[in-house]
Amino acid sequence: MSSHEEKLKTAKSLLEKRLGNRIENLTYQPELSRIKIRLRNNNMVFIQYNDFNEYGYSIIFSKIYLDRCRFDNYDDRWLFSTRPHHFHPRYKKEAIPSKMKGIPEEDIPYFCDLIISGKIMNLS
């Protein structure tokens, strides 16, 4: 089993435990290196890992342009201390520093807490 598959399995278990009955549907897609979740409030959550040690944790609130939040490390153009780890706040193209590191045991509980509390919608 590859590193990203192990991370995906760990993330799935943590998401099911943390989000529980908030999950309407969870689709585990190891062949696409992702987990797709529809929450009961119709928000969509995507968790992705790859073999290049990259990750993405996204929540999409609606089909409105940039109505999403995303933690990732897919590029390193953002010049701050947590580079390449960064966060794209809701309705903004630019990124800000992020404490995420692509470690599911640390990141997923924090991500879930932001979702459950509603704080993710107002991070900036």
PDB file of N, CA and C in Angstrom:
ATOM      1  N   MET A   1       0.848  -1.182   0.000  1.00  0.00           N
ATOM      2  CA  MET A   1       0.000   0.000   0.000  1.00  0.00           C
ATOM      3  C   MET A   1       0.888   1.238   0.000  1.00  0.00           C
ATOM      4  N   SER A   2       0.579   2.205  -0.861  1.00  0.00           N
ATOM      5  CA  SER A   2       1.381   3.420  -0.950  1.00  0.00           C
ATOM      6  C   SER A   2       1.102   4.352   0.216  1.00  0.00           C
ATOM      7  N   SER A   3       1.973   5.309   0.374  1.00  0.00           N
ATOM      8  CA  SER A   3       1.853   6.286   1.459  1.00  0.00           C
ATOM      9  C   SER A   3       0.538   7.063   1.375  1.00  0.00           C
ATOM     10  N   HIS A   4       0.175   7.498   0.158  1.00  0.00           N
ATOM     11  CA  HIS A   4      -1.063   8.275   0.043  1.00  0.00           C
ATOM     12  C   HIS A   4      -2.298   7.420   0.308  1.00  0.00           C
ATOM     13  N   GLU A   5      -2.239   6.133  -0.010  1.00  0.00           N
ATOM     14  CA  GLU A   5      -3.374   5.246   0.287  1.00  0.00           C
ATOM     15  C   GLU A   5      -3.542   5.068   1.796  1.00  0.00           C
ATOM     16  N   GLU A   6      -2.435   4.967   2.507  1.00  0.00           N
ATOM     17  CA  GLU A   6      -2.502   4.853   3.965  1.00  0.00           C
ATOM     18  C   GLU A   6      -3.075   6.126   4.574  1.00  0.00           C
ATOM     19  N   LYS A   7      -2.636   7.273   4.059  1.00  0.00           N
ATOM     20  CA  LYS A   7      -3.168   8.554   4.547  1.00  0.00           C
ATOM     21  C   LYS A   7      -4.661   8.653   4.271  1.00  0.00           C
ATOM     22  N   LEU A   8      -5.072   8.204   3.099  1.00  0.00           N
ATOM     23  CA  LEU A   8      -6.481   8.248   2.730  1.00  0.00           C
ATOM     24  C   LEU A   8      -7.319   7.373   3.657  1.00  0.00           C
ATOM     25  N   LYS A   9      -6.846   6.173   3.964  1.00  0.00           N
ATOM     26  CA  LYS A   9      -7.565   5.273   4.877  1.00  0.00           C
ATOM     27  C   LYS A   9      -7.677   5.891   6.273  1.00  0.00           C
ATOM     28  N   THR A  10      -6.581   6.477   6.744  1.00  0.00           N
ATOM     29  CA  THR A  10      -6.593   7.134   8.056  1.00  0.00           C
ATOM     30  C   THR A  10      -7.573   8.296   8.061  1.00  0.00           C
ATOM     31  N   ALA A  11      -7.522   9.108   7.015  1.00  0.00           N
ATOM     32  CA  ALA A  11      -8.429  10.254   6.915  1.00  0.00           C
ATOM     33  C   ALA A  11      -9.885   9.808   6.904  1.00  0.00           C
ATOM     34  N   LYS A  12     -10.189   8.757   6.160  1.00  0.00           N
ATOM     35  CA  LYS A  12     -11.565   8.243   6.078  1.00  0.00           C
ATOM     36  C   LYS A  12     -12.077   7.864   7.463  1.00  0.00           C
ATOM     37  N   SER A  13     -11.282   7.126   8.193  1.00  0.00           N
ATOM     38  CA  SER A  13     -11.672   6.702   9.538  1.00  0.00           C
ATOM     39  C   SER A  13     -11.913   7.907  10.450  1.00  0.00           C
ATOM     40  N   LEU A  14     -11.018   8.879  10.400  1.00  0.00           N
ATOM     41  CA  LEU A  14     -11.160  10.077  11.243  1.00  0.00           C
ATOM     42  C   LEU A  14     -12.374  10.908  10.837  1.00  0.00           C
ATOM     43  N   LEU A  15     -12.604  11.042   9.550  1.00  0.00           N
ATOM     44  CA  LEU A  15     -13.764  11.803   9.068  1.00  0.00           C
ATOM     45  C   LEU A  15     -15.072  11.164   9.514  1.00  0.00           C
ATOM     46  N   GLU A  16     -15.165   9.839   9.378  1.00  0.00           N
ATOM     47  CA  GLU A  16     -16.382   9.132   9.797  1.00  0.00           C
ATOM     48  C   GLU A  16     -16.614   9.304  11.292  1.00  0.00           C
ATOM     49  N   LYS A  17     -15.541   9.224  12.054  1.00  0.00           N
ATOM     50  CA  LYS A  17     -15.646   9.360  13.505  1.00  0.00           C
ATOM     51  C   LYS A  17     -16.025  10.786  13.910  1.00  0.00           C
ATOM     52  N   ARG A  18     -15.366  11.772  13.309  1.00  0.00           N
ATOM     53  CA  ARG A  18     -15.549  13.174  13.699  1.00  0.00           C
ATOM     54  C   ARG A  18     -16.837  13.795  13.153  1.00  0.00           C
ATOM     55  N   LEU A  19     -17.157  13.494  11.895  1.00  0.00           N
ATOM     56  CA  LEU A  19     -18.328  14.125  11.278  1.00  0.00           C
ATOM     57  C   LEU A  19     -19.601  13.304  11.463  1.00  0.00           C
ATOM     58  N   GLY A  20     -19.459  12.001  11.695  1.00  0.00           N
ATOM     59  CA  GLY A  20     -20.571  11.123  12.048  1.00  0.00           C
ATOM     60  C   GLY A  20     -21.850  11.369  11.288  1.00  0.00           C
ATOM     61  N   ASN A  21     -22.903  11.724  12.015  1.00  0.00           N
ATOM     62  CA  ASN A  21     -24.229  11.871  11.401  1.00  0.00           C
ATOM     63  C   ASN A  21     -24.375  13.132  10.552  1.00  0.00           C
ATOM     64  N   ARG A  22     -23.350  13.960  10.470  1.00  0.00           N
ATOM     65  CA  ARG A  22     -23.376  15.113   9.567  1.00  0.00           C
ATOM     66  C   ARG A  22     -23.147  14.680   8.111  1.00  0.00           C
ATOM     67  N   ILE A  23     -22.669  13.436   7.936  1.00  0.00           N
ATOM     68  CA  ILE A  23     -22.360  12.911   6.602  1.00  0.00           C
ATOM     69  C   ILE A  23     -23.621  12.340   5.964  1.00  0.00           C
ATOM     70  N   GLU A  24     -23.964  12.880   4.817  1.00  0.00           N
ATOM     71  CA  GLU A  24     -25.062  12.348   4.001  1.00  0.00           C
ATOM     72  C   GLU A  24     -24.556  11.174   3.163  1.00  0.00           C
ATOM     73  N   ASN A  25     -23.374  11.379   2.549  1.00  0.00           N
ATOM     74  CA  ASN A  25     -22.803  10.350   1.680  1.00  0.00           C
ATOM     75  C   ASN A  25     -21.284  10.507   1.662  1.00  0.00           C
ATOM     76  N   LEU A  26     -20.570   9.407   1.817  1.00  0.00           N
ATOM     77  CA  LEU A  26     -19.117   9.410   1.746  1.00  0.00           C
ATOM     78  C   LEU A  26     -18.700   8.459   0.638  1.00  0.00           C
ATOM     79  N   THR A  27     -17.913   8.965  -0.297  1.00  0.00           N
ATOM     80  CA  THR A  27     -17.403   8.151  -1.391  1.00  0.00           C
ATOM     81  C   THR A  27     -15.891   8.060  -1.252  1.00  0.00           C
ATOM     82  N   TYR A  28     -15.425   6.859  -0.993  1.00  0.00           N
ATOM     83  CA  TYR A  28     -13.995   6.591  -0.836  1.00  0.00           C
ATOM     84  C   TYR A  28     -13.461   6.172  -2.192  1.00  0.00           C
ATOM     85  N   GLN A  29     -12.551   6.964  -2.756  1.00  0.00           N
ATOM     86  CA  GLN A  29     -12.074   6.723  -4.113  1.00  0.00           C
ATOM     87  C   GLN A  29     -10.543   6.614  -4.144  1.00  0.00           C
ATOM     88  N   PRO A  30      -9.999   5.504  -3.654  1.00  0.00           N
ATOM     89  CA  PRO A  30      -8.538   5.376  -3.629  1.00  0.00           C
ATOM     90  C   PRO A  30      -7.913   5.430  -5.023  1.00  0.00           C
ATOM     91  N   GLU A  31      -8.640   4.988  -6.052  1.00  0.00           N
ATOM     92  CA  GLU A  31      -8.103   5.038  -7.409  1.00  0.00           C
ATOM     93  C   GLU A  31      -7.935   6.478  -7.890  1.00  0.00           C
ATOM     94  N   LEU A  32      -8.656   7.412  -7.298  1.00  0.00           N
ATOM     95  CA  LEU A  32      -8.522   8.843  -7.608  1.00  0.00           C
ATOM     96  C   LEU A  32      -7.770   9.583  -6.495  1.00  0.00           C
ATOM     97  N   SER A  33      -7.328   8.845  -5.500  1.00  0.00           N
ATOM     98  CA  SER A  33      -6.598   9.394  -4.348  1.00  0.00           C
ATOM     99  C   SER A  33      -7.416  10.437  -3.598  1.00  0.00           C
ATOM    100  N   ARG A  34      -8.726  10.174  -3.454  1.00  0.00           N
ATOM    101  CA  ARG A  34      -9.546  11.162  -2.764  1.00  0.00           C
ATOM    102  C   ARG A  34     -10.732  10.541  -2.031  1.00  0.00           C
ATOM    103  N   ILE A  35     -11.264  11.353  -1.142  1.00  0.00           N
ATOM    104  CA  ILE A  35     -12.517  11.077  -0.445  1.00  0.00           C
ATOM    105  C   ILE A  35     -13.440  12.240  -0.770  1.00  0.00           C
ATOM    106  N   LYS A  36     -14.664  11.915  -1.120  1.00  0.00           N
ATOM    107  CA  LYS A  36     -15.677  12.928  -1.438  1.00  0.00           C
ATOM    108  C   LYS A  36     -16.831  12.735  -0.463  1.00  0.00           C
ATOM    109  N   ILE A  37     -17.221  13.807   0.204  1.00  0.00           N
ATOM    110  CA  ILE A  37     -18.294  13.735   1.202  1.00  0.00           C
ATOM    111  C   ILE A  37     -19.344  14.794   0.905  1.00  0.00           C
ATOM    112  N   ARG A  38     -20.586  14.367   0.907  1.00  0.00           N
ATOM    113  CA  ARG A  38     -21.707  15.327   0.894  1.00  0.00           C
ATOM    114  C   ARG A  38     -22.226  15.365   2.323  1.00  0.00           C
ATOM    115  N   LEU A  39     -22.185  16.555   2.904  1.00  0.00           N
ATOM    116  CA  LEU A  39     -22.718  16.726   4.251  1.00  0.00           C
ATOM    117  C   LEU A  39     -24.232  16.924   4.187  1.00  0.00           C
ATOM    118  N   ARG A  40     -24.894  16.718   5.282  1.00  0.00           N
ATOM    119  CA  ARG A  40     -26.362  16.869   5.322  1.00  0.00           C
ATOM    120  C   ARG A  40     -26.821  18.285   4.989  1.00  0.00           C
ATOM    121  N   ASN A  41     -25.936  19.273   5.184  1.00  0.00           N
ATOM    122  CA  ASN A  41     -26.281  20.652   4.831  1.00  0.00           C
ATOM    123  C   ASN A  41     -25.935  20.965   3.370  1.00  0.00           C
ATOM    124  N   ASN A  42     -25.584  19.922   2.594  1.00  0.00           N
ATOM    125  CA  ASN A  42     -25.245  19.984   1.165  1.00  0.00           C
ATOM    126  C   ASN A  42     -23.873  20.555   0.854  1.00  0.00           C
ATOM    127  N   ASN A  43     -23.059  20.888   1.852  1.00  0.00           N
ATOM    128  CA  ASN A  43     -21.677  21.255   1.585  1.00  0.00           C
ATOM    129  C   ASN A  43     -20.935  20.006   1.121  1.00  0.00           C
ATOM    130  N   MET A  44     -19.950  20.211   0.258  1.00  0.00           N
ATOM    131  CA  MET A  44     -19.132  19.114  -0.250  1.00  0.00           C
ATOM    132  C   MET A  44     -17.731  19.224   0.338  1.00  0.00           C
ATOM    133  N   VAL A  45     -17.194  18.098   0.780  1.00  0.00           N
ATOM    134  CA  VAL A  45     -15.842  18.039   1.342  1.00  0.00           C
ATOM    135  C   VAL A  45     -15.019  17.098   0.471  1.00  0.00           C
ATOM    136  N   PHE A  46     -13.802  17.517   0.142  1.00  0.00           N
ATOM    137  CA  PHE A  46     -12.885  16.692  -0.632  1.00  0.00           C
ATOM    138  C   PHE A  46     -11.557  16.606   0.112  1.00  0.00           C
ATOM    139  N   ILE A  47     -11.056  15.402   0.255  1.00  0.00           N
ATOM    140  CA  ILE A  47      -9.758  15.148   0.866  1.00  0.00           C
ATOM    141  C   ILE A  47      -8.916  14.440  -0.184  1.00  0.00           C
ATOM    142  N   GLN A  48      -7.699  14.935  -0.435  1.00  0.00           N
ATOM    143  CA  GLN A  48      -6.848  14.340  -1.455  1.00  0.00           C
ATOM    144  C   GLN A  48      -5.408  14.230  -0.954  1.00  0.00           C
ATOM    145  N   TYR A  49      -4.762  13.152  -1.346  1.00  0.00           N
ATOM    146  CA  TYR A  49      -3.331  12.941  -1.099  1.00  0.00           C
ATOM    147  C   TYR A  49      -2.740  12.346  -2.360  1.00  0.00           C
ATOM    148  N   ASN A  50      -1.432  12.587  -2.596  1.00  0.00           N
ATOM    149  CA  ASN A  50      -0.787  11.925  -3.726  1.00  0.00           C
ATOM    150  C   ASN A  50       0.607  11.449  -3.334  1.00  0.00           C
ATOM    151  N   ASP A  51       1.269  10.788  -4.258  1.00  0.00           N
ATOM    152  CA  ASP A  51       2.591  10.218  -3.984  1.00  0.00           C
ATOM    153  C   ASP A  51       3.711  11.258  -4.003  1.00  0.00           C
ATOM    154  N   PHE A  52       3.386  12.508  -4.218  1.00  0.00           N
ATOM    155  CA  PHE A  52       4.382  13.581  -4.201  1.00  0.00           C
ATOM    156  C   PHE A  52       4.332  14.337  -2.875  1.00  0.00           C
ATOM    157  N   ASN A  53       3.674  13.718  -1.887  1.00  0.00           N
ATOM    158  CA  ASN A  53       3.530  14.296  -0.550  1.00  0.00           C
ATOM    159  C   ASN A  53       2.692  15.578  -0.566  1.00  0.00           C
ATOM    160  N   GLU A  54       1.798  15.671  -1.542  1.00  0.00           N
ATOM    161  CA  GLU A  54       0.889  16.810  -1.623  1.00  0.00           C
ATOM    162  C   GLU A  54      -0.479  16.392  -1.087  1.00  0.00           C
ATOM    163  N   TYR A  55      -1.231  17.370  -0.609  1.00  0.00           N
ATOM    164  CA  TYR A  55      -2.549  17.113  -0.042  1.00  0.00           C
ATOM    165  C   TYR A  55      -3.464  18.297  -0.331  1.00  0.00           C
ATOM    166  N   GLY A  56      -4.757  18.062  -0.195  1.00  0.00           N
ATOM    167  CA  GLY A  56      -5.747  19.123  -0.279  1.00  0.00           C
ATOM    168  C   GLY A  56      -6.938  18.762   0.584  1.00  0.00           C
ATOM    169  N   TYR A  57      -7.393  19.727   1.381  1.00  0.00           N
ATOM    170  CA  TYR A  57      -8.594  19.570   2.203  1.00  0.00           C
ATOM    171  C   TYR A  57      -9.516  20.718   1.807  1.00  0.00           C
ATOM    172  N   SER A  58     -10.607  20.410   1.154  1.00  0.00           N
ATOM    173  CA  SER A  58     -11.497  21.439   0.621  1.00  0.00           C
ATOM    174  C   SER A  58     -12.910  21.269   1.120  1.00  0.00           C
ATOM    175  N   ILE A  59     -13.593  22.397   1.268  1.00  0.00           N
ATOM    176  CA  ILE A  59     -15.040  22.383   1.502  1.00  0.00           C
ATOM    177  C   ILE A  59     -15.642  23.388   0.538  1.00  0.00           C
ATOM    178  N   ILE A  60     -16.657  22.940  -0.185  1.00  0.00           N
ATOM    179  CA  ILE A  60     -17.348  23.781  -1.156  1.00  0.00           C
ATOM    180  C   ILE A  60     -18.743  24.043  -0.606  1.00  0.00           C
ATOM    181  N   PHE A  61     -19.068  25.322  -0.468  1.00  0.00           N
ATOM    182  CA  PHE A  61     -20.344  25.717   0.124  1.00  0.00           C
ATOM    183  C   PHE A  61     -21.458  25.848  -0.909  1.00  0.00           C
ATOM    184  N   SER A  62     -21.117  26.311  -2.116  1.00  0.00           N
ATOM    185  CA  SER A  62     -22.117  26.466  -3.171  1.00  0.00           C
ATOM    186  C   SER A  62     -21.406  26.508  -4.519  1.00  0.00           C
ATOM    187  N   LYS A  63     -22.162  26.699  -5.578  1.00  0.00           N
ATOM    188  CA  LYS A  63     -21.589  26.804  -6.918  1.00  0.00           C
ATOM    189  C   LYS A  63     -21.137  28.225  -7.243  1.00  0.00           C
ATOM    190  N   ILE A  64     -21.308  29.134  -6.317  1.00  0.00           N
ATOM    191  CA  ILE A  64     -20.864  30.517  -6.507  1.00  0.00           C
ATOM    192  C   ILE A  64     -19.341  30.539  -6.592  1.00  0.00           C
ATOM    193  N   TYR A  65     -18.811  31.344  -7.489  1.00  0.00           N
ATOM    194  CA  TYR A  65     -17.375  31.452  -7.702  1.00  0.00           C
ATOM    195  C   TYR A  65     -16.638  31.726  -6.388  1.00  0.00           C
ATOM    196  N   LEU A  66     -15.644  30.897  -6.085  1.00  0.00           N
ATOM    197  CA  LEU A  66     -14.788  30.979  -4.896  1.00  0.00           C
ATOM    198  C   LEU A  66     -15.527  30.774  -3.574  1.00  0.00           C
ATOM    199  N   ASP A  67     -16.712  30.198  -3.621  1.00  0.00           N
ATOM    200  CA  ASP A  67     -17.435  29.902  -2.369  1.00  0.00           C
ATOM    201  C   ASP A  67     -16.940  28.552  -1.839  1.00  0.00           C
ATOM    202  N   ARG A  68     -15.687  28.576  -1.437  1.00  0.00           N
ATOM    203  CA  ARG A  68     -15.012  27.385  -0.949  1.00  0.00           C
ATOM    204  C   ARG A  68     -13.883  27.797  -0.010  1.00  0.00           C
ATOM    205  N   CYS A  69     -13.370  26.830   0.732  1.00  0.00           N
ATOM    206  CA  CYS A  69     -12.155  26.997   1.530  1.00  0.00           C
ATOM    207  C   CYS A  69     -11.275  25.797   1.225  1.00  0.00           C
ATOM    208  N   ARG A  70      -9.963  26.036   1.198  1.00  0.00           N
ATOM    209  CA  ARG A  70      -9.055  24.943   0.842  1.00  0.00           C
ATOM    210  C   ARG A  70      -7.720  25.094   1.547  1.00  0.00           C
ATOM    211  N   PHE A  71      -7.299  24.024   2.201  1.00  0.00           N
ATOM    212  CA  PHE A  71      -5.951  23.900   2.744  1.00  0.00           C
ATOM    213  C   PHE A  71      -5.181  23.007   1.781  1.00  0.00           C
ATOM    214  N   ASP A  72      -3.970  23.404   1.384  1.00  0.00           N
ATOM    215  CA  ASP A  72      -3.183  22.533   0.503  1.00  0.00           C
ATOM    216  C   ASP A  72      -1.718  22.946   0.491  1.00  0.00           C
ATOM    217  N   ASN A  73      -0.939  22.179  -0.261  1.00  0.00           N
ATOM    218  CA  ASN A  73       0.466  22.493  -0.496  1.00  0.00           C
ATOM    219  C   ASN A  73       0.832  22.206  -1.949  1.00  0.00           C
ATOM    220  N   TYR A  74      -0.119  22.399  -2.861  1.00  0.00           N
ATOM    221  CA  TYR A  74       0.107  22.060  -4.261  1.00  0.00           C
ATOM    222  C   TYR A  74       1.034  23.024  -4.985  1.00  0.00           C
ATOM    223  N   ASP A  75       1.237  24.194  -4.480  1.00  0.00           N
ATOM    224  CA  ASP A  75       2.196  25.115  -5.088  1.00  0.00           C
ATOM    225  C   ASP A  75       2.964  25.820  -3.977  1.00  0.00           C
ATOM    226  N   ASP A  76       4.097  26.390  -4.333  1.00  0.00           N
ATOM    227  CA  ASP A  76       4.900  27.038  -3.298  1.00  0.00           C
ATOM    228  C   ASP A  76       5.153  28.514  -3.614  1.00  0.00           C
ATOM    229  N   ARG A  77       4.221  29.123  -4.323  1.00  0.00           N
ATOM    230  CA  ARG A  77       4.402  30.529  -4.698  1.00  0.00           C
ATOM    231  C   ARG A  77       4.032  31.508  -3.589  1.00  0.00           C
ATOM    232  N   TRP A  78       3.413  31.019  -2.536  1.00  0.00           N
ATOM    233  CA  TRP A  78       2.977  31.887  -1.446  1.00  0.00           C
ATOM    234  C   TRP A  78       4.155  32.101  -0.495  1.00  0.00           C
ATOM    235  N   LEU A  79       4.563  33.329  -0.345  1.00  0.00           N
ATOM    236  CA  LEU A  79       5.790  33.651   0.387  1.00  0.00           C
ATOM    237  C   LEU A  79       5.521  33.984   1.849  1.00  0.00           C
ATOM    238  N   PHE A  80       5.332  32.944   2.646  1.00  0.00           N
ATOM    239  CA  PHE A  80       5.216  33.130   4.083  1.00  0.00           C
ATOM    240  C   PHE A  80       5.812  31.936   4.806  1.00  0.00           C
ATOM    241  N   SER A  81       5.877  31.998   6.115  1.00  0.00           N
ATOM    242  CA  SER A  81       6.647  31.037   6.908  1.00  0.00           C
ATOM    243  C   SER A  81       6.174  29.591   6.781  1.00  0.00           C
ATOM    244  N   THR A  82       4.922  29.349   6.431  1.00  0.00           N
ATOM    245  CA  THR A  82       4.424  27.974   6.346  1.00  0.00           C
ATOM    246  C   THR A  82       4.551  27.391   4.937  1.00  0.00           C
ATOM    247  N   ARG A  83       5.183  28.106   4.042  1.00  0.00           N
ATOM    248  CA  ARG A  83       5.361  27.667   2.661  1.00  0.00           C
ATOM    249  C   ARG A  83       5.877  26.240   2.598  1.00  0.00           C
ATOM    250  N   PRO A  84       5.344  25.344   1.815  1.00  0.00           N
ATOM    251  CA  PRO A  84       4.302  25.505   0.803  1.00  0.00           C
ATOM    252  C   PRO A  84       2.876  25.336   1.350  1.00  0.00           C
ATOM    253  N   HIS A  85       2.731  25.096   2.631  1.00  0.00           N
ATOM    254  CA  HIS A  85       1.409  24.880   3.230  1.00  0.00           C
ATOM    255  C   HIS A  85       0.670  26.217   3.309  1.00  0.00           C
ATOM    256  N   HIS A  86      -0.570  26.224   2.825  1.00  0.00           N
ATOM    257  CA  HIS A  86      -1.335  27.469   2.812  1.00  0.00           C
ATOM    258  C   HIS A  86      -2.838  27.190   2.824  1.00  0.00           C
ATOM    259  N   PHE A  87      -3.592  28.261   3.039  1.00  0.00           N
ATOM    260  CA  PHE A  87      -5.047  28.190   3.132  1.00  0.00           C
ATOM    261  C   PHE A  87      -5.641  29.231   2.197  1.00  0.00           C
ATOM    262  N   HIS A  88      -6.631  28.806   1.417  1.00  0.00           N
ATOM    263  CA  HIS A  88      -7.377  29.719   0.553  1.00  0.00           C
ATOM    264  C   HIS A  88      -8.710  30.020   1.240  1.00  0.00           C
ATOM    265  N   PRO A  89      -8.869  31.241   1.782  1.00  0.00           N
ATOM    266  CA  PRO A  89     -10.127  31.590   2.457  1.00  0.00           C
ATOM    267  C   PRO A  89     -11.298  31.708   1.474  1.00  0.00           C
ATOM    268  N   ARG A  90     -12.456  31.664   2.031  1.00  0.00           N
ATOM    269  CA  ARG A  90     -13.692  31.763   1.264  1.00  0.00           C
ATOM    270  C   ARG A  90     -13.735  33.082   0.483  1.00  0.00           C
ATOM    271  N   TYR A  91     -14.094  32.996  -0.779  1.00  0.00           N
ATOM    272  CA  TYR A  91     -14.260  34.118  -1.704  1.00  0.00           C
ATOM    273  C   TYR A  91     -12.962  34.844  -2.047  1.00  0.00           C
ATOM    274  N   LYS A  92     -11.803  34.257  -1.736  1.00  0.00           N
ATOM    275  CA  LYS A  92     -10.539  34.936  -2.028  1.00  0.00           C
ATOM    276  C   LYS A  92      -9.636  34.034  -2.859  1.00  0.00           C
ATOM    277  N   LYS A  93      -8.916  34.622  -3.815  1.00  0.00           N
ATOM    278  CA  LYS A  93      -7.957  33.876  -4.622  1.00  0.00           C
ATOM    279  C   LYS A  93      -6.642  33.704  -3.875  1.00  0.00           C
ATOM    280  N   GLU A  94      -6.252  34.732  -3.122  1.00  0.00           N
ATOM    281  CA  GLU A  94      -4.965  34.686  -2.449  1.00  0.00           C
ATOM    282  C   GLU A  94      -4.977  33.684  -1.297  1.00  0.00           C
ATOM    283  N   ALA A  95      -3.806  33.360  -0.832  1.00  0.00           N
ATOM    284  CA  ALA A  95      -3.669  32.393   0.253  1.00  0.00           C
ATOM    285  C   ALA A  95      -3.080  33.061   1.485  1.00  0.00           C
ATOM    286  N   ILE A  96      -3.234  32.385   2.610  1.00  0.00           N
ATOM    287  CA  ILE A  96      -2.656  32.830   3.870  1.00  0.00           C
ATOM    288  C   ILE A  96      -1.943  31.639   4.506  1.00  0.00           C
ATOM    289  N   PRO A  97      -1.103  31.876   5.516  1.00  0.00           N
ATOM    290  CA  PRO A  97      -0.404  30.759   6.170  1.00  0.00           C
ATOM    291  C   PRO A  97      -1.375  29.729   6.748  1.00  0.00           C
ATOM    292  N   SER A  98      -0.887  28.491   6.831  1.00  0.00           N
ATOM    293  CA  SER A  98      -1.695  27.391   7.338  1.00  0.00           C
ATOM    294  C   SER A  98      -0.873  26.527   8.275  1.00  0.00           C
ATOM    295  N   LYS A  99      -1.540  25.999   9.304  1.00  0.00           N
ATOM    296  CA  LYS A  99      -0.849  25.089  10.216  1.00  0.00           C
ATOM    297  C   LYS A  99      -0.940  23.628   9.754  1.00  0.00           C
ATOM    298  N   MET A 100      -1.661  23.364   8.671  1.00  0.00           N
ATOM    299  CA  MET A 100      -1.781  22.007   8.140  1.00  0.00           C
ATOM    300  C   MET A 100      -0.431  21.567   7.578  1.00  0.00           C
ATOM    301  N   LYS A 101      -0.187  20.252   7.616  1.00  0.00           N
ATOM    302  CA  LYS A 101       1.081  19.704   7.136  1.00  0.00           C
ATOM    303  C   LYS A 101       0.903  18.461   6.259  1.00  0.00           C
ATOM    304  N   GLY A 102      -0.343  18.055   6.003  1.00  0.00           N
ATOM    305  CA  GLY A 102      -0.562  16.851   5.213  1.00  0.00           C
ATOM    306  C   GLY A 102      -0.479  15.578   6.034  1.00  0.00           C
ATOM    307  N   ILE A 103      -0.597  15.719   7.347  1.00  0.00           N
ATOM    308  CA  ILE A 103      -0.568  14.584   8.271  1.00  0.00           C
ATOM    309  C   ILE A 103      -1.999  14.359   8.755  1.00  0.00           C
ATOM    310  N   PRO A 104      -2.680  13.329   8.253  1.00  0.00           N
ATOM    311  CA  PRO A 104      -4.101  13.172   8.559  1.00  0.00           C
ATOM    312  C   PRO A 104      -4.424  13.106  10.046  1.00  0.00           C
ATOM    313  N   GLU A 105      -3.585  12.457  10.834  1.00  0.00           N
ATOM    314  CA  GLU A 105      -3.861  12.328  12.274  1.00  0.00           C
ATOM    315  C   GLU A 105      -3.921  13.686  12.968  1.00  0.00           C
ATOM    316  N   GLU A 106      -3.209  14.677  12.433  1.00  0.00           N
ATOM    317  CA  GLU A 106      -3.217  16.023  13.004  1.00  0.00           C
ATOM    318  C   GLU A 106      -4.201  16.945  12.284  1.00  0.00           C
ATOM    319  N   ASP A 107      -4.195  16.868  10.958  1.00  0.00           N
ATOM    320  CA  ASP A 107      -4.978  17.802  10.153  1.00  0.00           C
ATOM    321  C   ASP A 107      -6.483  17.535  10.155  1.00  0.00           C
ATOM    322  N   ILE A 108      -6.875  16.276  10.005  1.00  0.00           N
ATOM    323  CA  ILE A 108      -8.295  15.957   9.850  1.00  0.00           C
ATOM    324  C   ILE A 108      -9.117  16.327  11.082  1.00  0.00           C
ATOM    325  N   PRO A 109      -8.664  16.042  12.310  1.00  0.00           N
ATOM    326  CA  PRO A 109      -9.451  16.493  13.470  1.00  0.00           C
ATOM    327  C   PRO A 109      -9.638  18.013  13.504  1.00  0.00           C
ATOM    328  N   TYR A 110      -8.587  18.744  13.182  1.00  0.00           N
ATOM    329  CA  TYR A 110      -8.676  20.210  13.152  1.00  0.00           C
ATOM    330  C   TYR A 110      -9.649  20.668  12.058  1.00  0.00           C
ATOM    331  N   PHE A 111      -9.526  20.091  10.865  1.00  0.00           N
ATOM    332  CA  PHE A 111     -10.415  20.420   9.751  1.00  0.00           C
ATOM    333  C   PHE A 111     -11.868  20.139  10.124  1.00  0.00           C
ATOM    334  N   CYS A 112     -12.121  18.991  10.717  1.00  0.00           N
ATOM    335  CA  CYS A 112     -13.485  18.634  11.140  1.00  0.00           C
ATOM    336  C   CYS A 112     -14.003  19.599  12.200  1.00  0.00           C
ATOM    337  N   ASP A 113     -13.169  19.969  13.154  1.00  0.00           N
ATOM    338  CA  ASP A 113     -13.586  20.930  14.181  1.00  0.00           C
ATOM    339  C   ASP A 113     -13.963  22.270  13.560  1.00  0.00           C
ATOM    340  N   LEU A 114     -13.219  22.707  12.542  1.00  0.00           N
ATOM    341  CA  LEU A 114     -13.558  23.956  11.847  1.00  0.00           C
ATOM    342  C   LEU A 114     -14.908  23.841  11.139  1.00  0.00           C
ATOM    343  N   ILE A 115     -15.176  22.687  10.559  1.00  0.00           N
ATOM    344  CA  ILE A 115     -16.450  22.456   9.872  1.00  0.00           C
ATOM    345  C   ILE A 115     -17.597  22.421  10.875  1.00  0.00           C
ATOM    346  N   ILE A 116     -17.439  21.642  11.933  1.00  0.00           N
ATOM    347  CA  ILE A 116     -18.510  21.475  12.925  1.00  0.00           C
ATOM    348  C   ILE A 116     -18.837  22.791  13.608  1.00  0.00           C
ATOM    349  N   SER A 117     -17.824  23.567  13.947  1.00  0.00           N
ATOM    350  CA  SER A 117     -18.041  24.841  14.645  1.00  0.00           C
ATOM    351  C   SER A 117     -18.534  25.949  13.713  1.00  0.00           C
ATOM    352  N   GLY A 118     -18.351  25.769  12.404  1.00  0.00           N
ATOM    353  CA  GLY A 118     -18.700  26.805  11.447  1.00  0.00           C
ATOM    354  C   GLY A 118     -17.605  27.838  11.268  1.00  0.00           C
ATOM    355  N   LYS A 119     -16.527  27.721  12.011  1.00  0.00           N
ATOM    356  CA  LYS A 119     -15.439  28.708  11.935  1.00  0.00           C
ATOM    357  C   LYS A 119     -14.749  28.732  10.581  1.00  0.00           C
ATOM    358  N   ILE A 120     -14.794  27.625   9.853  1.00  0.00           N
ATOM    359  CA  ILE A 120     -14.120  27.575   8.548  1.00  0.00           C
ATOM    360  C   ILE A 120     -14.684  28.601   7.590  1.00  0.00           C
ATOM    361  N   MET A 121     -15.954  28.941   7.740  1.00  0.00           N
ATOM    362  CA  MET A 121     -16.600  29.875   6.824  1.00  0.00           C
ATOM    363  C   MET A 121     -16.066  31.288   6.956  1.00  0.00           C
ATOM    364  N   ASN A 122     -15.434  31.594   8.104  1.00  0.00           N
ATOM    365  CA  ASN A 122     -15.009  32.962   8.356  1.00  0.00           C
ATOM    366  C   ASN A 122     -13.507  33.119   8.563  1.00  0.00           C
ATOM    367  N   LEU A 123     -12.743  32.065   8.269  1.00  0.00           N
ATOM    368  CA  LEU A 123     -11.283  32.175   8.409  1.00  0.00           C
ATOM    369  C   LEU A 123     -10.758  33.146   7.361  1.00  0.00           C
ATOM    370  N   SER A 124      -9.845  33.973   7.768  1.00  0.00           N
ATOM    371  CA  SER A 124      -9.201  34.890   6.792  1.00  0.00           C
ATOM    372  C   SER A 124      -7.875  35.350   7.311  1.00  0.00           C
TER     373      SER A 124
END
